[in-house]
Amino acid sequence: MGNAAVARLLASQSNTLARDPLPTGDDYQRARNAKEEYVRG
């Protein structure tokens, strides 16, 4: 991902990585699909 992206993601975590996993590609895709479906509404 690059150092800058990892730093942003780490800074945004309020819990440990084990309890609060970083977003995955699947998380991103689901969110984008949901957003596009909302717009189509």
PDB file of all heavy atoms in Angstrom:
ATOM      1  N   MET A   1       0.816  -1.226   0.000  1.00  0.00           N
ATOM      2  CA  MET A   1       0.000   0.000   0.000  1.00  0.00           C
ATOM      3  C   MET A   1       0.840   1.262   0.000  1.00  0.00           C
ATOM      4  O   MET A   1       0.358   2.321  -0.389  1.00  0.00           O
ATOM      5  CB  MET A   1      -0.912   0.024   1.239  1.00  0.00           C
ATOM      6  CG  MET A   1      -1.916  -1.098   1.313  1.00  0.00           C
ATOM      7  SD  MET A   1      -2.838  -1.079   2.880  1.00  0.00           S
ATOM      8  CE  MET A   1      -3.654   0.503   2.767  1.00  0.00           C
ATOM      9  N   GLY A   2       2.051   1.185   0.490  1.00  0.00           N
ATOM     10  CA  GLY A   2       2.851   2.386   0.644  1.00  0.00           C
ATOM     11  C   GLY A   2       2.805   2.863   2.081  1.00  0.00           C
ATOM     12  O   GLY A   2       1.827   2.675   2.794  1.00  0.00           O
ATOM     13  N   ASN A   3       3.887   3.497   2.509  1.00  0.00           N
ATOM     14  CA  ASN A   3       3.992   3.917   3.905  1.00  0.00           C
ATOM     15  C   ASN A   3       2.914   4.923   4.287  1.00  0.00           C
ATOM     16  O   ASN A   3       2.365   4.876   5.396  1.00  0.00           O
ATOM     17  CB  ASN A   3       5.378   4.522   4.168  1.00  0.00           C
ATOM     18  CG  ASN A   3       6.480   3.472   4.117  1.00  0.00           C
ATOM     19  OD1 ASN A   3       6.219   2.286   4.295  1.00  0.00           O
ATOM     20  ND2 ASN A   3       7.713   3.906   3.842  1.00  0.00           N
ATOM     21  N   ALA A   4       2.613   5.868   3.387  1.00  0.00           N
ATOM     22  CA  ALA A   4       1.650   6.926   3.726  1.00  0.00           C
ATOM     23  C   ALA A   4       0.268   6.345   3.979  1.00  0.00           C
ATOM     24  O   ALA A   4      -0.421   6.723   4.933  1.00  0.00           O
ATOM     25  CB  ALA A   4       1.590   7.966   2.612  1.00  0.00           C
ATOM     26  N   ALA A   5      -0.152   5.404   3.131  1.00  0.00           N
ATOM     27  CA  ALA A   5      -1.480   4.821   3.303  1.00  0.00           C
ATOM     28  C   ALA A   5      -1.568   4.028   4.592  1.00  0.00           C
ATOM     29  O   ALA A   5      -2.569   4.093   5.321  1.00  0.00           O
ATOM     30  CB  ALA A   5      -1.828   3.932   2.114  1.00  0.00           C
ATOM     31  N   VAL A   6      -0.502   3.273   4.917  1.00  0.00           N
ATOM     32  CA  VAL A   6      -0.509   2.492   6.148  1.00  0.00           C
ATOM     33  C   VAL A   6      -0.549   3.416   7.361  1.00  0.00           C
ATOM     34  O   VAL A   6      -1.263   3.164   8.335  1.00  0.00           O
ATOM     35  CB  VAL A   6       0.720   1.558   6.216  1.00  0.00           C
ATOM     36  CG1 VAL A   6       0.824   0.895   7.584  1.00  0.00           C
ATOM     37  CG2 VAL A   6       0.612   0.487   5.135  1.00  0.00           C
ATOM     38  N   ALA A   7       0.201   4.512   7.308  1.00  0.00           N
ATOM     39  CA  ALA A   7       0.197   5.457   8.429  1.00  0.00           C
ATOM     40  C   ALA A   7      -1.187   6.025   8.665  1.00  0.00           C
ATOM     41  O   ALA A   7      -1.632   6.167   9.805  1.00  0.00           O
ATOM     42  CB  ALA A   7       1.196   6.585   8.170  1.00  0.00           C
ATOM     43  N   ARG A   8      -1.887   6.345   7.562  1.00  0.00           N
ATOM     44  CA  ARG A   8      -3.240   6.873   7.719  1.00  0.00           C
ATOM     45  C   ARG A   8      -4.160   5.844   8.346  1.00  0.00           C
ATOM     46  O   ARG A   8      -4.978   6.148   9.223  1.00  0.00           O
ATOM     47  CB  ARG A   8      -3.798   7.306   6.354  1.00  0.00           C
ATOM     48  CG  ARG A   8      -3.249   8.630   5.852  1.00  0.00           C
ATOM     49  CD  ARG A   8      -4.104   9.153   4.699  1.00  0.00           C
ATOM     50  NE  ARG A   8      -4.087   8.269   3.543  1.00  0.00           N
ATOM     51  CZ  ARG A   8      -3.190   8.341   2.571  1.00  0.00           C
ATOM     52  NH1 ARG A   8      -2.243   9.266   2.611  1.00  0.00           N
ATOM     53  NH2 ARG A   8      -3.244   7.521   1.545  1.00  0.00           N
ATOM     54  N   LEU A   9      -4.042   4.606   7.884  1.00  0.00           N
ATOM     55  CA  LEU A   9      -4.914   3.559   8.404  1.00  0.00           C
ATOM     56  C   LEU A   9      -4.619   3.259   9.866  1.00  0.00           C
ATOM     57  O   LEU A   9      -5.528   3.087  10.681  1.00  0.00           O
ATOM     58  CB  LEU A   9      -4.768   2.291   7.562  1.00  0.00           C
ATOM     59  CG  LEU A   9      -5.349   2.379   6.136  1.00  0.00           C
ATOM     60  CD1 LEU A   9      -4.922   1.169   5.322  1.00  0.00           C
ATOM     61  CD2 LEU A   9      -6.859   2.476   6.187  1.00  0.00           C
ATOM     62  N   LEU A  10      -3.343   3.197  10.222  1.00  0.00           N
ATOM     63  CA  LEU A  10      -2.983   2.928  11.609  1.00  0.00           C
ATOM     64  C   LEU A  10      -3.468   4.041  12.530  1.00  0.00           C
ATOM     65  O   LEU A  10      -3.964   3.789  13.627  1.00  0.00           O
ATOM     66  CB  LEU A  10      -1.459   2.775  11.736  1.00  0.00           C
ATOM     67  CG  LEU A  10      -0.859   1.490  11.130  1.00  0.00           C
ATOM     68  CD1 LEU A  10       0.658   1.551  11.186  1.00  0.00           C
ATOM     69  CD2 LEU A  10      -1.382   0.252  11.849  1.00  0.00           C
ATOM     70  N   ALA A  11      -3.316   5.293  12.062  1.00  0.00           N
ATOM     71  CA  ALA A  11      -3.729   6.428  12.896  1.00  0.00           C
ATOM     72  C   ALA A  11      -5.221   6.442  13.149  1.00  0.00           C
ATOM     73  O   ALA A  11      -5.698   7.005  14.130  1.00  0.00           O
ATOM     74  CB  ALA A  11      -3.297   7.734  12.234  1.00  0.00           C
ATOM     75  N   SER A  12      -5.978   5.850  12.229  1.00  0.00           N
ATOM     76  CA  SER A  12      -7.436   5.894  12.356  1.00  0.00           C
ATOM     77  C   SER A  12      -7.987   4.807  13.275  1.00  0.00           C
ATOM     78  O   SER A  12      -9.175   4.797  13.581  1.00  0.00           O
ATOM     79  CB  SER A  12      -8.086   5.753  10.976  1.00  0.00           C
ATOM     80  OG  SER A  12      -7.886   4.427  10.486  1.00  0.00           O
ATOM     81  N   GLN A  13      -7.135   3.883  13.721  1.00  0.00           N
ATOM     82  CA  GLN A  13      -7.627   2.764  14.515  1.00  0.00           C
ATOM     83  C   GLN A  13      -7.715   3.143  15.982  1.00  0.00           C
ATOM     84  O   GLN A  13      -6.748   3.618  16.581  1.00  0.00           O
ATOM     85  CB  GLN A  13      -6.710   1.543  14.364  1.00  0.00           C
ATOM     86  CG  GLN A  13      -6.571   1.061  12.932  1.00  0.00           C
ATOM     87  CD  GLN A  13      -7.907   0.751  12.308  1.00  0.00           C
ATOM     88  OE1 GLN A  13      -8.614  -0.113  12.808  1.00  0.00           O
ATOM     89  NE2 GLN A  13      -8.262   1.439  11.239  1.00  0.00           N
ATOM     90  N   SER A  14      -8.865   2.945  16.602  1.00  0.00           N
ATOM     91  CA  SER A  14      -9.034   3.249  18.024  1.00  0.00           C
ATOM     92  C   SER A  14      -8.742   2.027  18.886  1.00  0.00           C
ATOM     93  O   SER A  14      -8.571   2.152  20.086  1.00  0.00           O
ATOM     94  CB  SER A  14     -10.459   3.741  18.296  1.00  0.00           C
ATOM     95  OG  SER A  14     -11.392   2.765  17.888  1.00  0.00           O
ATOM     96  N   ASN A  15      -8.719   0.829  18.293  1.00  0.00           N
ATOM     97  CA  ASN A  15      -8.405  -0.406  19.018  1.00  0.00           C
ATOM     98  C   ASN A  15      -7.152  -1.023  18.418  1.00  0.00           C
ATOM     99  O   ASN A  15      -6.582  -0.536  17.444  1.00  0.00           O
ATOM    100  CB  ASN A  15      -9.564  -1.405  18.915  1.00  0.00           C
ATOM    101  CG  ASN A  15     -10.850  -0.817  19.464  1.00  0.00           C
ATOM    102  OD1 ASN A  15     -10.878  -0.304  20.561  1.00  0.00           O
ATOM    103  ND2 ASN A  15     -11.911  -0.881  18.670  1.00  0.00           N
ATOM    104  N   THR A  16      -6.720  -2.131  18.982  1.00  0.00           N
ATOM    105  CA  THR A  16      -5.575  -2.817  18.403  1.00  0.00           C
ATOM    106  C   THR A  16      -5.983  -3.437  17.085  1.00  0.00           C
ATOM    107  O   THR A  16      -7.158  -3.669  16.804  1.00  0.00           O
ATOM    108  CB  THR A  16      -5.090  -3.932  19.346  1.00  0.00           C
ATOM    109  OG1 THR A  16      -6.109  -4.930  19.446  1.00  0.00           O
ATOM    110  CG2 THR A  16      -4.781  -3.380  20.736  1.00  0.00           C
ATOM    111  N   LEU A  17      -4.986  -3.717  16.260  1.00  0.00           N
ATOM    112  CA  LEU A  17      -5.277  -4.300  14.955  1.00  0.00           C
ATOM    113  C   LEU A  17      -5.949  -5.654  15.096  1.00  0.00           C
ATOM    114  O   LEU A  17      -6.762  -6.049  14.270  1.00  0.00           O
ATOM    115  CB  LEU A  17      -3.982  -4.432  14.153  1.00  0.00           C
ATOM    116  CG  LEU A  17      -3.365  -3.098  13.680  1.00  0.00           C
ATOM    117  CD1 LEU A  17      -2.067  -3.370  12.949  1.00  0.00           C
ATOM    118  CD2 LEU A  17      -4.335  -2.338  12.805  1.00  0.00           C
ATOM    119  N   ALA A  18      -5.608  -6.398  16.165  1.00  0.00           N
ATOM    120  CA  ALA A  18      -6.198  -7.720  16.317  1.00  0.00           C
ATOM    121  C   ALA A  18      -7.692  -7.627  16.583  1.00  0.00           C
ATOM    122  O   ALA A  18      -8.465  -8.466  16.123  1.00  0.00           O
ATOM    123  CB  ALA A  18      -5.504  -8.468  17.465  1.00  0.00           C
ATOM    124  N   ARG A  19      -8.124  -6.588  17.345  1.00  0.00           N
ATOM    125  CA  ARG A  19      -9.551  -6.462  17.659  1.00  0.00           C
ATOM    126  C   ARG A  19     -10.303  -5.679  16.595  1.00  0.00           C
ATOM    127  O   ARG A  19     -11.503  -5.810  16.458  1.00  0.00           O
ATOM    128  CB  ARG A  19      -9.713  -5.762  19.013  1.00  0.00           C
ATOM    129  CG  ARG A  19      -9.201  -6.575  20.192  1.00  0.00           C
ATOM    130  CD  ARG A  19      -9.790  -6.049  21.500  1.00  0.00           C
ATOM    131  NE  ARG A  19      -9.589  -4.621  21.665  1.00  0.00           N
ATOM    132  CZ  ARG A  19      -8.558  -4.080  22.315  1.00  0.00           C
ATOM    133  NH1 ARG A  19      -7.637  -4.864  22.844  1.00  0.00           N
ATOM    134  NH2 ARG A  19      -8.457  -2.775  22.446  1.00  0.00           N
ATOM    135  N   ASP A  20      -9.596  -4.772  15.868  1.00  0.00           N
ATOM    136  CA  ASP A  20     -10.256  -3.875  14.927  1.00  0.00           C
ATOM    137  C   ASP A  20      -9.502  -3.936  13.606  1.00  0.00           C
ATOM    138  O   ASP A  20      -8.658  -3.095  13.333  1.00  0.00           O
ATOM    139  CB  ASP A  20     -10.247  -2.451  15.488  1.00  0.00           C
ATOM    140  CG  ASP A  20     -11.169  -1.534  14.708  1.00  0.00           C
ATOM    141  OD1 ASP A  20     -11.883  -2.029  13.832  1.00  0.00           O
ATOM    142  OD2 ASP A  20     -11.140  -0.318  14.991  1.00  0.00           O
ATOM    143  N   PRO A  21      -9.765  -4.948  12.793  1.00  0.00           N
ATOM    144  CA  PRO A  21      -8.950  -5.180  11.601  1.00  0.00           C
ATOM    145  C   PRO A  21      -8.979  -3.995  10.646  1.00  0.00           C
ATOM    146  O   PRO A  21      -9.948  -3.246  10.571  1.00  0.00           O
ATOM    147  CB  PRO A  21      -9.611  -6.410  10.960  1.00  0.00           C
ATOM    148  CG  PRO A  21     -10.412  -7.032  12.048  1.00  0.00           C
ATOM    149  CD  PRO A  21     -10.843  -5.913  12.924  1.00  0.00           C
ATOM    150  N   LEU A  22      -7.872  -3.856   9.911  1.00  0.00           N
ATOM    151  CA  LEU A  22      -7.832  -2.864   8.843  1.00  0.00           C
ATOM    152  C   LEU A  22      -8.830  -3.245   7.759  1.00  0.00           C
ATOM    153  O   LEU A  22      -9.141  -4.421   7.570  1.00  0.00           O
ATOM    154  CB  LEU A  22      -6.418  -2.817   8.248  1.00  0.00           C
ATOM    155  CG  LEU A  22      -5.304  -2.326   9.184  1.00  0.00           C
ATOM    156  CD1 LEU A  22      -3.964  -2.466   8.486  1.00  0.00           C
ATOM    157  CD2 LEU A  22      -5.547  -0.886   9.580  1.00  0.00           C
ATOM    158  N   PRO A  23      -9.352  -2.227   7.036  1.00  0.00           N
ATOM    159  CA  PRO A  23     -10.301  -2.547   5.969  1.00  0.00           C
ATOM    160  C   PRO A  23      -9.639  -3.372   4.874  1.00  0.00           C
ATOM    161  O   PRO A  23      -8.464  -3.208   4.575  1.00  0.00           O
ATOM    162  CB  PRO A  23     -10.728  -1.172   5.460  1.00  0.00           C
ATOM    163  CG  PRO A  23      -9.637  -0.249   5.874  1.00  0.00           C
ATOM    164  CD  PRO A  23      -9.117  -0.788   7.159  1.00  0.00           C
ATOM    165  N   THR A  24     -10.412  -4.235   4.290  1.00  0.00           N
ATOM    166  CA  THR A  24      -9.918  -5.085   3.216  1.00  0.00           C
ATOM    167  C   THR A  24     -10.503  -4.633   1.895  1.00  0.00           C
ATOM    168  O   THR A  24     -11.381  -3.773   1.830  1.00  0.00           O
ATOM    169  CB  THR A  24     -10.339  -6.543   3.460  1.00  0.00           C
ATOM    170  OG1 THR A  24     -11.769  -6.621   3.328  1.00  0.00           O
ATOM    171  CG2 THR A  24      -9.933  -7.001   4.846  1.00  0.00           C
ATOM    172  N   GLY A  25      -9.998  -5.255   0.813  1.00  0.00           N
ATOM    173  CA  GLY A  25     -10.570  -4.971  -0.492  1.00  0.00           C
ATOM    174  C   GLY A  25     -12.048  -5.294  -0.542  1.00  0.00           C
ATOM    175  O   GLY A  25     -12.824  -4.600  -1.206  1.00  0.00           O
ATOM    176  N   ASP A  26     -12.476  -6.334   0.176  1.00  0.00           N
ATOM    177  CA  ASP A  26     -13.903  -6.684   0.214  1.00  0.00           C
ATOM    178  C   ASP A  26     -14.712  -5.600   0.918  1.00  0.00           C
ATOM    179  O   ASP A  26     -15.815  -5.264   0.496  1.00  0.00           O
ATOM    180  CB  ASP A  26     -14.091  -8.017   0.923  1.00  0.00           C
ATOM    181  CG  ASP A  26     -13.573  -9.195   0.109  1.00  0.00           C
ATOM    182  OD1 ASP A  26     -13.412  -9.021  -1.126  1.00  0.00           O
ATOM    183  OD2 ASP A  26     -13.323 -10.247   0.695  1.00  0.00           O
ATOM    184  N   ASP A  27     -14.155  -5.034   2.017  1.00  0.00           N
ATOM    185  CA  ASP A  27     -14.834  -3.946   2.715  1.00  0.00           C
ATOM    186  C   ASP A  27     -15.049  -2.770   1.768  1.00  0.00           C
ATOM    187  O   ASP A  27     -16.126  -2.161   1.728  1.00  0.00           O
ATOM    188  CB  ASP A  27     -14.016  -3.463   3.913  1.00  0.00           C
ATOM    189  CG  ASP A  27     -13.847  -4.528   4.976  1.00  0.00           C
ATOM    190  OD1 ASP A  27     -14.734  -5.396   5.079  1.00  0.00           O
ATOM    191  OD2 ASP A  27     -12.839  -4.470   5.701  1.00  0.00           O
ATOM    192  N   TYR A  28     -14.003  -2.451   1.042  1.00  0.00           N
ATOM    193  CA  TYR A  28     -14.074  -1.339   0.102  1.00  0.00           C
ATOM    194  C   TYR A  28     -15.139  -1.591  -0.963  1.00  0.00           C
ATOM    195  O   TYR A  28     -15.971  -0.725  -1.254  1.00  0.00           O
ATOM    196  CB  TYR A  28     -12.697  -1.135  -0.545  1.00  0.00           C
ATOM    197  CG  TYR A  28     -12.723  -0.188  -1.717  1.00  0.00           C
ATOM    198  CD1 TYR A  28     -12.802   1.180  -1.524  1.00  0.00           C
ATOM    199  CD2 TYR A  28     -12.676  -0.673  -3.029  1.00  0.00           C
ATOM    200  CE1 TYR A  28     -12.834   2.051  -2.598  1.00  0.00           C
ATOM    201  CE2 TYR A  28     -12.711   0.179  -4.110  1.00  0.00           C
ATOM    202  CZ  TYR A  28     -12.789   1.547  -3.890  1.00  0.00           C
ATOM    203  OH  TYR A  28     -12.828   2.401  -4.952  1.00  0.00           O
ATOM    204  N   GLN A  29     -15.132  -2.773  -1.540  1.00  0.00           N
ATOM    205  CA  GLN A  29     -16.075  -3.068  -2.618  1.00  0.00           C
ATOM    206  C   GLN A  29     -17.519  -3.031  -2.129  1.00  0.00           C
ATOM    207  O   GLN A  29     -18.407  -2.497  -2.796  1.00  0.00           O
ATOM    208  CB  GLN A  29     -15.776  -4.441  -3.235  1.00  0.00           C
ATOM    209  CG  GLN A  29     -16.611  -4.762  -4.469  1.00  0.00           C
ATOM    210  CD  GLN A  29     -16.404  -3.734  -5.564  1.00  0.00           C
ATOM    211  OE1 GLN A  29     -15.276  -3.507  -6.007  1.00  0.00           O
ATOM    212  NE2 GLN A  29     -17.477  -3.080  -5.985  1.00  0.00           N
ATOM    213  N   ARG A  30     -17.746  -3.591  -0.926  1.00  0.00           N
ATOM    214  CA  ARG A  30     -19.110  -3.554  -0.387  1.00  0.00           C
ATOM    215  C   ARG A  30     -19.559  -2.114  -0.149  1.00  0.00           C
ATOM    216  O   ARG A  30     -20.701  -1.754  -0.437  1.00  0.00           O
ATOM    217  CB  ARG A  30     -19.171  -4.360   0.912  1.00  0.00           C
ATOM    218  CG  ARG A  30     -19.231  -5.866   0.707  1.00  0.00           C
ATOM    219  CD  ARG A  30     -19.583  -6.588   2.007  1.00  0.00           C
ATOM    220  NE  ARG A  30     -18.525  -6.450   2.998  1.00  0.00           N
ATOM    221  CZ  ARG A  30     -17.511  -7.316   3.121  1.00  0.00           C
ATOM    222  NH1 ARG A  30     -17.449  -8.383   2.336  1.00  0.00           N
ATOM    223  NH2 ARG A  30     -16.595  -7.150   4.051  1.00  0.00           N
ATOM    224  N   ALA A  31     -18.649  -1.290   0.399  1.00  0.00           N
ATOM    225  CA  ALA A  31     -19.006   0.098   0.668  1.00  0.00           C
ATOM    226  C   ALA A  31     -19.292   0.857  -0.615  1.00  0.00           C
ATOM    227  O   ALA A  31     -20.257   1.629  -0.705  1.00  0.00           O
ATOM    228  CB  ALA A  31     -17.885   0.782   1.457  1.00  0.00           C
ATOM    229  N   ARG A  32     -18.469   0.602  -1.636  1.00  0.00           N
ATOM    230  CA  ARG A  32     -18.676   1.320  -2.902  1.00  0.00           C
ATOM    231  C   ARG A  32     -19.973   0.882  -3.576  1.00  0.00           C
ATOM    232  O   ARG A  32     -20.713   1.703  -4.139  1.00  0.00           O
ATOM    233  CB  ARG A  32     -17.499   1.093  -3.847  1.00  0.00           C
ATOM    234  CG  ARG A  32     -16.175   1.630  -3.351  1.00  0.00           C
ATOM    235  CD  ARG A  32     -16.245   3.091  -2.966  1.00  0.00           C
ATOM    236  NE  ARG A  32     -16.535   3.935  -4.108  1.00  0.00           N
ATOM    237  CZ  ARG A  32     -16.890   5.205  -4.048  1.00  0.00           C
ATOM    238  NH1 ARG A  32     -17.053   5.771  -2.864  1.00  0.00           N
ATOM    239  NH2 ARG A  32     -17.129   5.908  -5.135  1.00  0.00           N
ATOM    240  N   ASN A  33     -20.265  -0.399  -3.503  1.00  0.00           N
ATOM    241  CA  ASN A  33     -21.522  -0.885  -4.081  1.00  0.00           C
ATOM    242  C   ASN A  33     -22.721  -0.267  -3.352  1.00  0.00           C
ATOM    243  O   ASN A  33     -23.709   0.133  -3.976  1.00  0.00           O
ATOM    244  CB  ASN A  33     -21.593  -2.406  -4.002  1.00  0.00           C
ATOM    245  CG  ASN A  33     -20.625  -3.075  -4.963  1.00  0.00           C
ATOM    246  OD1 ASN A  33     -20.114  -2.445  -5.896  1.00  0.00           O
ATOM    247  ND2 ASN A  33     -20.355  -4.362  -4.743  1.00  0.00           N
ATOM    248  N   ALA A  34     -22.614  -0.208  -2.013  1.00  0.00           N
ATOM    249  CA  ALA A  34     -23.714   0.364  -1.243  1.00  0.00           C
ATOM    250  C   ALA A  34     -23.893   1.846  -1.551  1.00  0.00           C
ATOM    251  O   ALA A  34     -25.020   2.347  -1.661  1.00  0.00           O
ATOM    252  CB  ALA A  34     -23.455   0.166   0.249  1.00  0.00           C
ATOM    253  N   LYS A  35     -22.781   2.544  -1.716  1.00  0.00           N
ATOM    254  CA  LYS A  35     -22.867   3.975  -2.035  1.00  0.00           C
ATOM    255  C   LYS A  35     -23.502   4.181  -3.401  1.00  0.00           C
ATOM    256  O   LYS A  35     -24.378   5.044  -3.585  1.00  0.00           O
ATOM    257  CB  LYS A  35     -21.475   4.603  -1.955  1.00  0.00           C
ATOM    258  CG  LYS A  35     -21.458   6.108  -2.182  1.00  0.00           C
ATOM    259  CD  LYS A  35     -21.054   6.483  -3.583  1.00  0.00           C
ATOM    260  CE  LYS A  35     -20.993   7.978  -3.786  1.00  0.00           C
ATOM    261  NZ  LYS A  35     -20.584   8.353  -5.148  1.00  0.00           N
ATOM    262  N   GLU A  36     -23.082   3.402  -4.389  1.00  0.00           N
ATOM    263  CA  GLU A  36     -23.645   3.553  -5.729  1.00  0.00           C
ATOM    264  C   GLU A  36     -25.129   3.187  -5.744  1.00  0.00           C
ATOM    265  O   GLU A  36     -25.934   3.823  -6.433  1.00  0.00           O
ATOM    266  CB  GLU A  36     -22.870   2.691  -6.730  1.00  0.00           C
ATOM    267  CG  GLU A  36     -21.434   3.137  -6.947  1.00  0.00           C
ATOM    268  CD  GLU A  36     -21.347   4.585  -7.403  1.00  0.00           C
ATOM    269  OE1 GLU A  36     -22.225   5.020  -8.191  1.00  0.00           O
ATOM    270  OE2 GLU A  36     -20.430   5.300  -6.954  1.00  0.00           O
ATOM    271  N   GLU A  37     -25.501   2.177  -4.988  1.00  0.00           N
ATOM    272  CA  GLU A  37     -26.914   1.819  -4.907  1.00  0.00           C
ATOM    273  C   GLU A  37     -27.707   2.950  -4.266  1.00  0.00           C
ATOM    274  O   GLU A  37     -28.830   3.261  -4.696  1.00  0.00           O
ATOM    275  CB  GLU A  37     -27.081   0.536  -4.095  1.00  0.00           C
ATOM    276  CG  GLU A  37     -28.536   0.065  -4.001  1.00  0.00           C
ATOM    277  CD  GLU A  37     -28.675  -1.241  -3.230  1.00  0.00           C
ATOM    278  OE1 GLU A  37     -27.646  -1.782  -2.788  1.00  0.00           O
ATOM    279  OE2 GLU A  37     -29.819  -1.701  -3.063  1.00  0.00           O
ATOM    280  N   TYR A  38     -27.128   3.587  -3.257  1.00  0.00           N
ATOM    281  CA  TYR A  38     -27.802   4.719  -2.624  1.00  0.00           C
ATOM    282  C   TYR A  38     -28.021   5.843  -3.632  1.00  0.00           C
ATOM    283  O   TYR A  38     -29.111   6.430  -3.707  1.00  0.00           O
ATOM    284  CB  TYR A  38     -26.982   5.225  -1.440  1.00  0.00           C
ATOM    285  CG  TYR A  38     -27.617   6.396  -0.730  1.00  0.00           C
ATOM    286  CD1 TYR A  38     -28.541   6.202   0.293  1.00  0.00           C
ATOM    287  CD2 TYR A  38     -27.309   7.704  -1.098  1.00  0.00           C
ATOM    288  CE1 TYR A  38     -29.141   7.279   0.929  1.00  0.00           C
ATOM    289  CE2 TYR A  38     -27.904   8.783  -0.471  1.00  0.00           C
ATOM    290  CZ  TYR A  38     -28.816   8.566   0.543  1.00  0.00           C
ATOM    291  OH  TYR A  38     -29.422   9.633   1.158  1.00  0.00           O
ATOM    292  N   VAL A  39     -26.997   6.154  -4.405  1.00  0.00           N
ATOM    293  CA  VAL A  39     -27.116   7.229  -5.397  1.00  0.00           C
ATOM    294  C   VAL A  39     -28.179   6.895  -6.428  1.00  0.00           C
ATOM    295  O   VAL A  39     -28.985   7.746  -6.818  1.00  0.00           O
ATOM    296  CB  VAL A  39     -25.753   7.487  -6.070  1.00  0.00           C
ATOM    297  CG1 VAL A  39     -25.899   8.440  -7.252  1.00  0.00           C
ATOM    298  CG2 VAL A  39     -24.754   8.051  -5.059  1.00  0.00           C
ATOM    299  N   ARG A  40     -28.219   5.619  -6.861  1.00  0.00           N
ATOM    300  CA  ARG A  40     -29.233   5.224  -7.850  1.00  0.00           C
ATOM    301  C   ARG A  40     -30.652   5.347  -7.296  1.00  0.00           C
ATOM    302  O   ARG A  40     -31.618   5.426  -8.057  1.00  0.00           O
ATOM    303  CB  ARG A  40     -28.979   3.789  -8.329  1.00  0.00           C
ATOM    304  CG  ARG A  40     -27.781   3.638  -9.264  1.00  0.00           C
ATOM    305  CD  ARG A  40     -27.782   2.280  -9.942  1.00  0.00           C
ATOM    306  NE  ARG A  40     -27.651   1.183  -8.990  1.00  0.00           N
ATOM    307  CZ  ARG A  40     -26.495   0.672  -8.581  1.00  0.00           C
ATOM    308  NH1 ARG A  40     -25.360   1.178  -9.040  1.00  0.00           N
ATOM    309  NH2 ARG A  40     -26.457  -0.329  -7.720  1.00  0.00           N
ATOM    310  N   GLY A  41     -30.772   5.380  -5.972  1.00  0.00           N
ATOM    311  CA  GLY A  41     -32.091   5.533  -5.369  1.00  0.00           C
ATOM    312  C   GLY A  41     -32.733   6.885  -5.634  1.00  0.00           C
ATOM    313  O   GLY A  41     -33.921   7.070  -5.388  1.00  0.00           O
TER     314      GLY A  41
END
